Amino acid sequence: SLCLELLESISFDEQGTSLETSVAQIKALGVDVEIDDFGTGYASILSLLALEPKRLKIDRQLVFPITTGQSQRRLVASIVEIGQALGIEVIAEGVETLEHARILRDLGVDAFQGFFFAPPLDNEAFQRFARERRWVEQFDVNADPPVAD
């Protein structure tokens, strides 16, 4: 499968219909379209409606402070709600801790990306990582945290 990531830092609204036409042609080929770094650029709700991306990736700068700030948590929750309302999968970038993962899960985020799960891996390291499956137990966001003795 192939996915094209459009950085939110480009202004979708200023591109006119040419961007919409190009994205529609790419999607017609079976290529998924994602909006990357959402929350840091210029995408409007109207551009999301026009482009109909498959996924929306919330930028790590918005994700990181959700463990300490209620306003940041509400902002991320709002982005998740927009994604859900438009039928767009929501991915959180910059998931660094189990607390991040649990909060994001509770907010309804569909998938997580970040060093909490693994650093960037080359092909061989990724295959080993996937085969060993230690991450399934180690990073189970549904499990209760360990109790200190």
C-alpha atoms as a PDB file:
ATOM      1  CA  SER A   1       0.000   0.000   0.000  1.00  0.00           C
ATOM      2  CA  LEU A   2       1.112   3.518  -0.662  1.00  0.00           C
ATOM      3  CA  CYS A   3       0.301   6.732   1.159  1.00  0.00           C
ATOM      4  CA  LEU A   4       1.034  10.325   0.244  1.00  0.00           C
ATOM      5  CA  GLU A   5       1.573  12.726   3.150  1.00  0.00           C
ATOM      6  CA  LEU A   6       0.745  16.367   2.581  1.00  0.00           C
ATOM      7  CA  LEU A   7       2.393  18.677   5.091  1.00  0.00           C
ATOM      8  CA  GLU A   8      -0.092  21.013   6.681  1.00  0.00           C
ATOM      9  CA  SER A   9       2.478  23.799   6.477  1.00  0.00           C
ATOM     10  CA  ILE A  10       1.520  24.329   2.829  1.00  0.00           C
ATOM     11  CA  SER A  11      -1.628  26.385   2.526  1.00  0.00           C
ATOM     12  CA  PHE A  12      -4.238  24.105   0.983  1.00  0.00           C
ATOM     13  CA  ASP A  13      -6.687  26.968   0.613  1.00  0.00           C
ATOM     14  CA  GLU A  14      -4.311  29.011  -1.563  1.00  0.00           C
ATOM     15  CA  GLN A  15      -3.727  26.140  -4.010  1.00  0.00           C
ATOM     16  CA  GLY A  16      -7.226  26.378  -5.482  1.00  0.00           C
ATOM     17  CA  THR A  17      -8.807  23.493  -7.317  1.00  0.00           C
ATOM     18  CA  SER A  18      -5.512  22.264  -8.805  1.00  0.00           C
ATOM     19  CA  LEU A  19      -4.539  20.633  -5.522  1.00  0.00           C
ATOM     20  CA  GLU A  20      -7.998  19.109  -5.122  1.00  0.00           C
ATOM     21  CA  THR A  21      -7.849  17.748  -8.687  1.00  0.00           C
ATOM     22  CA  SER A  22      -4.357  16.298  -8.171  1.00  0.00           C
ATOM     23  CA  VAL A  23      -5.347  14.688  -4.871  1.00  0.00           C
ATOM     24  CA  ALA A  24      -8.471  13.191  -6.462  1.00  0.00           C
ATOM     25  CA  GLN A  25      -6.344  11.703  -9.265  1.00  0.00           C
ATOM     26  CA  ILE A  26      -3.869  10.257  -6.770  1.00  0.00           C
ATOM     27  CA  LYS A  27      -6.686   8.748  -4.697  1.00  0.00           C
ATOM     28  CA  ALA A  28      -8.229   7.268  -7.876  1.00  0.00           C
ATOM     29  CA  LEU A  29      -4.988   5.291  -8.278  1.00  0.00           C
ATOM     30  CA  GLY A  30      -5.605   3.727  -4.850  1.00  0.00           C
ATOM     31  CA  VAL A  31      -3.070   5.866  -2.998  1.00  0.00           C
ATOM     32  CA  ASP A  32      -4.123   7.034   0.471  1.00  0.00           C
ATOM     33  CA  VAL A  33      -3.687  10.707   1.379  1.00  0.00           C
ATOM     34  CA  GLU A  34      -2.731  11.927   4.850  1.00  0.00           C
ATOM     35  CA  ILE A  35      -2.383  15.395   6.309  1.00  0.00           C
ATOM     36  CA  ASP A  36       0.860  15.458   8.316  1.00  0.00           C
ATOM     37  CA  ASP A  37       1.773  17.796  11.184  1.00  0.00           C
ATOM     38  CA  PHE A  38      -1.851  18.880  11.632  1.00  0.00           C
ATOM     39  CA  GLY A  39      -2.233  21.814  13.979  1.00  0.00           C
ATOM     40  CA  THR A  40       0.913  23.651  12.960  1.00  0.00           C
ATOM     41  CA  GLY A  41      -0.029  25.037   9.565  1.00  0.00           C
ATOM     42  CA  TYR A  42      -2.860  26.404   7.573  1.00  0.00           C
ATOM     43  CA  ALA A  43      -5.408  23.654   6.890  1.00  0.00           C
ATOM     44  CA  SER A  44      -8.972  24.758   7.324  1.00  0.00           C
ATOM     45  CA  ILE A  45     -12.010  22.622   7.947  1.00  0.00           C
ATOM     46  CA  LEU A  46     -13.076  23.461   4.379  1.00  0.00           C
ATOM     47  CA  SER A  47      -9.797  22.125   2.987  1.00  0.00           C
ATOM     48  CA  LEU A  48     -10.293  18.884   4.940  1.00  0.00           C
ATOM     49  CA  LEU A  49     -13.769  18.597   3.429  1.00  0.00           C
ATOM     50  CA  ALA A  50     -12.409  19.218  -0.067  1.00  0.00           C
ATOM     51  CA  LEU A  51      -9.359  16.919   0.155  1.00  0.00           C
ATOM     52  CA  GLU A  52     -11.044  14.113   2.122  1.00  0.00           C
ATOM     53  CA  PRO A  53      -7.784  12.657   3.476  1.00  0.00           C
ATOM     54  CA  LYS A  54      -7.790   9.135   4.888  1.00  0.00           C
ATOM     55  CA  ARG A  55      -5.711  10.161   7.909  1.00  0.00           C
ATOM     56  CA  LEU A  56      -4.891  13.230   9.931  1.00  0.00           C
ATOM     57  CA  LYS A  57      -1.636  13.186  11.902  1.00  0.00           C
ATOM     58  CA  ILE A  58      -1.663  15.473  14.949  1.00  0.00           C
ATOM     59  CA  ASP A  59       1.687  17.189  15.286  1.00  0.00           C
ATOM     60  CA  ARG A  60       3.901  16.168  18.195  1.00  0.00           C
ATOM     61  CA  GLN A  61       4.057  19.768  19.453  1.00  0.00           C
ATOM     62  CA  LEU A  62       0.355  19.501  20.292  1.00  0.00           C
ATOM     63  CA  VAL A  63       0.616  15.965  21.694  1.00  0.00           C
ATOM     64  CA  PHE A  64       3.581  16.419  24.028  1.00  0.00           C
ATOM     65  CA  PRO A  65       1.958  18.797  26.569  1.00  0.00           C
ATOM     66  CA  ILE A  66      -1.313  16.829  26.980  1.00  0.00           C
ATOM     67  CA  THR A  67       0.048  15.134  30.108  1.00  0.00           C
ATOM     68  CA  THR A  68       0.326  18.448  31.944  1.00  0.00           C
ATOM     69  CA  GLY A  69      -2.118  20.868  30.338  1.00  0.00           C
ATOM     70  CA  GLN A  70      -5.901  20.614  30.244  1.00  0.00           C
ATOM     71  CA  SER A  71      -6.163  23.211  27.468  1.00  0.00           C
ATOM     72  CA  GLN A  72      -3.785  21.191  25.278  1.00  0.00           C
ATOM     73  CA  ARG A  73      -5.771  18.044  26.035  1.00  0.00           C
ATOM     74  CA  ARG A  74      -9.011  19.818  25.037  1.00  0.00           C
ATOM     75  CA  LEU A  75      -7.399  21.044  21.825  1.00  0.00           C
ATOM     76  CA  VAL A  76      -6.302  17.529  20.870  1.00  0.00           C
ATOM     77  CA  ALA A  77      -9.774  16.216  21.798  1.00  0.00           C
ATOM     78  CA  SER A  78     -11.295  18.805  19.445  1.00  0.00           C
ATOM     79  CA  ILE A  79      -9.042  17.708  16.586  1.00  0.00           C
ATOM     80  CA  VAL A  80     -10.025  14.088  17.230  1.00  0.00           C
ATOM     81  CA  GLU A  81     -13.707  15.058  17.170  1.00  0.00           C
ATOM     82  CA  ILE A  82     -13.253  16.873  13.851  1.00  0.00           C
ATOM     83  CA  GLY A  83     -11.543  13.812  12.389  1.00  0.00           C
ATOM     84  CA  GLN A  84     -14.282  11.518  13.647  1.00  0.00           C
ATOM     85  CA  ALA A  85     -17.033  13.818  12.329  1.00  0.00           C
ATOM     86  CA  LEU A  86     -15.414  13.773   8.883  1.00  0.00           C
ATOM     87  CA  GLY A  87     -14.636  10.037   8.895  1.00  0.00           C
ATOM     88  CA  ILE A  88     -10.882  10.660   8.978  1.00  0.00           C
ATOM     89  CA  GLU A  89      -8.572   8.369  10.978  1.00  0.00           C
ATOM     90  CA  VAL A  90      -6.551  10.306  13.556  1.00  0.00           C
ATOM     91  CA  ILE A  91      -2.926   9.503  14.343  1.00  0.00           C
ATOM     92  CA  ALA A  92      -0.996  11.137  17.183  1.00  0.00           C
ATOM     93  CA  GLU A  93       2.680  11.844  16.535  1.00  0.00           C
ATOM     94  CA  GLY A  94       5.226  12.241  19.319  1.00  0.00           C
ATOM     95  CA  VAL A  95       3.849   9.667  21.741  1.00  0.00           C
ATOM     96  CA  GLU A  96       6.677   9.523  24.275  1.00  0.00           C
ATOM     97  CA  THR A  97       5.185   7.871  27.377  1.00  0.00           C
ATOM     98  CA  LEU A  98       2.563   5.376  28.489  1.00  0.00           C
ATOM     99  CA  GLU A  99       0.634   8.319  29.933  1.00  0.00           C
ATOM    100  CA  HIS A 100       0.523   9.937  26.478  1.00  0.00           C
ATOM    101  CA  ALA A 101      -0.740   6.696  24.962  1.00  0.00           C
ATOM    102  CA  ARG A 102      -3.457   6.238  27.591  1.00  0.00           C
ATOM    103  CA  ILE A 103      -4.725   9.825  27.343  1.00  0.00           C
ATOM    104  CA  LEU A 104      -4.763   9.675  23.549  1.00  0.00           C
ATOM    105  CA  ARG A 105      -6.551   6.323  23.601  1.00  0.00           C
ATOM    106  CA  ASP A 106      -9.181   7.800  25.933  1.00  0.00           C
ATOM    107  CA  LEU A 107      -9.595  10.776  23.577  1.00  0.00           C
ATOM    108  CA  GLY A 108     -10.348   8.401  20.698  1.00  0.00           C
ATOM    109  CA  VAL A 109      -7.110   8.592  18.711  1.00  0.00           C
ATOM    110  CA  ASP A 110      -6.946   5.723  16.200  1.00  0.00           C
ATOM    111  CA  ALA A 111      -3.173   5.142  16.097  1.00  0.00           C
ATOM    112  CA  PHE A 112       0.006   6.294  17.789  1.00  0.00           C
ATOM    113  CA  GLN A 113       3.473   7.107  16.515  1.00  0.00           C
ATOM    114  CA  GLY A 114       6.493   7.875  18.633  1.00  0.00           C
ATOM    115  CA  PHE A 115       9.534   6.831  20.616  1.00  0.00           C
ATOM    116  CA  PHE A 116       7.347   5.236  23.291  1.00  0.00           C
ATOM    117  CA  PHE A 117       6.858   2.343  20.880  1.00  0.00           C
ATOM    118  CA  ALA A 118      10.194   2.387  19.068  1.00  0.00           C
ATOM    119  CA  PRO A 119      12.759   4.727  17.564  1.00  0.00           C
ATOM    120  CA  PRO A 120      12.930   4.990  13.759  1.00  0.00           C
ATOM    121  CA  LEU A 121      14.050   1.583  12.480  1.00  0.00           C
ATOM    122  CA  ASP A 122      15.723   0.425   9.296  1.00  0.00           C
ATOM    123  CA  ASN A 123      14.161  -2.500   7.427  1.00  0.00           C
ATOM    124  CA  GLU A 124      16.140  -5.245   9.200  1.00  0.00           C
ATOM    125  CA  ALA A 125      15.587  -3.791  12.682  1.00  0.00           C
ATOM    126  CA  PHE A 126      11.874  -3.329  11.964  1.00  0.00           C
ATOM    127  CA  GLN A 127      11.482  -6.950  10.876  1.00  0.00           C
ATOM    128  CA  ARG A 128      13.210  -8.109  14.069  1.00  0.00           C
ATOM    129  CA  PHE A 129      11.065  -5.737  16.145  1.00  0.00           C
ATOM    130  CA  ALA A 130       7.842  -7.018  14.555  1.00  0.00           C
ATOM    131  CA  ARG A 131       8.848 -10.704  14.816  1.00  0.00           C
ATOM    132  CA  GLU A 132       9.766 -10.506  18.504  1.00  0.00           C
ATOM    133  CA  ARG A 133       6.426  -8.854  19.387  1.00  0.00           C
ATOM    134  CA  ARG A 134       7.739  -7.776  22.814  1.00  0.00           C
ATOM    135  CA  TRP A 135       6.078  -4.436  22.204  1.00  0.00           C
ATOM    136  CA  VAL A 136       2.617  -6.041  22.407  1.00  0.00           C
ATOM    137  CA  GLU A 137       2.944  -6.786  26.132  1.00  0.00           C
ATOM    138  CA  GLN A 138       5.365  -4.002  26.993  1.00  0.00           C
ATOM    139  CA  PHE A 139       3.249  -1.284  25.449  1.00  0.00           C
ATOM    140  CA  ASP A 140      -0.281  -2.483  26.145  1.00  0.00           C
ATOM    141  CA  VAL A 141      -2.071   0.827  26.755  1.00  0.00           C
ATOM    142  CA  ASN A 142      -5.121  -1.029  28.078  1.00  0.00           C
ATOM    143  CA  ALA A 143      -3.246  -2.792  30.869  1.00  0.00           C
ATOM    144  CA  ASP A 144      -3.165  -1.365  34.362  1.00  0.00           C
ATOM    145  CA  PRO A 145       0.152   0.241  35.312  1.00  0.00           C
ATOM    146  CA  PRO A 146       2.432  -1.865  37.492  1.00  0.00           C
ATOM    147  CA  VAL A 147       1.997  -1.429  41.220  1.00  0.00           C
ATOM    148  CA  ALA A 148       5.125  -0.447  43.160  1.00  0.00           C
ATOM    149  CA  ASP A 149       6.030  -2.683  46.113  1.00  0.00           C
END
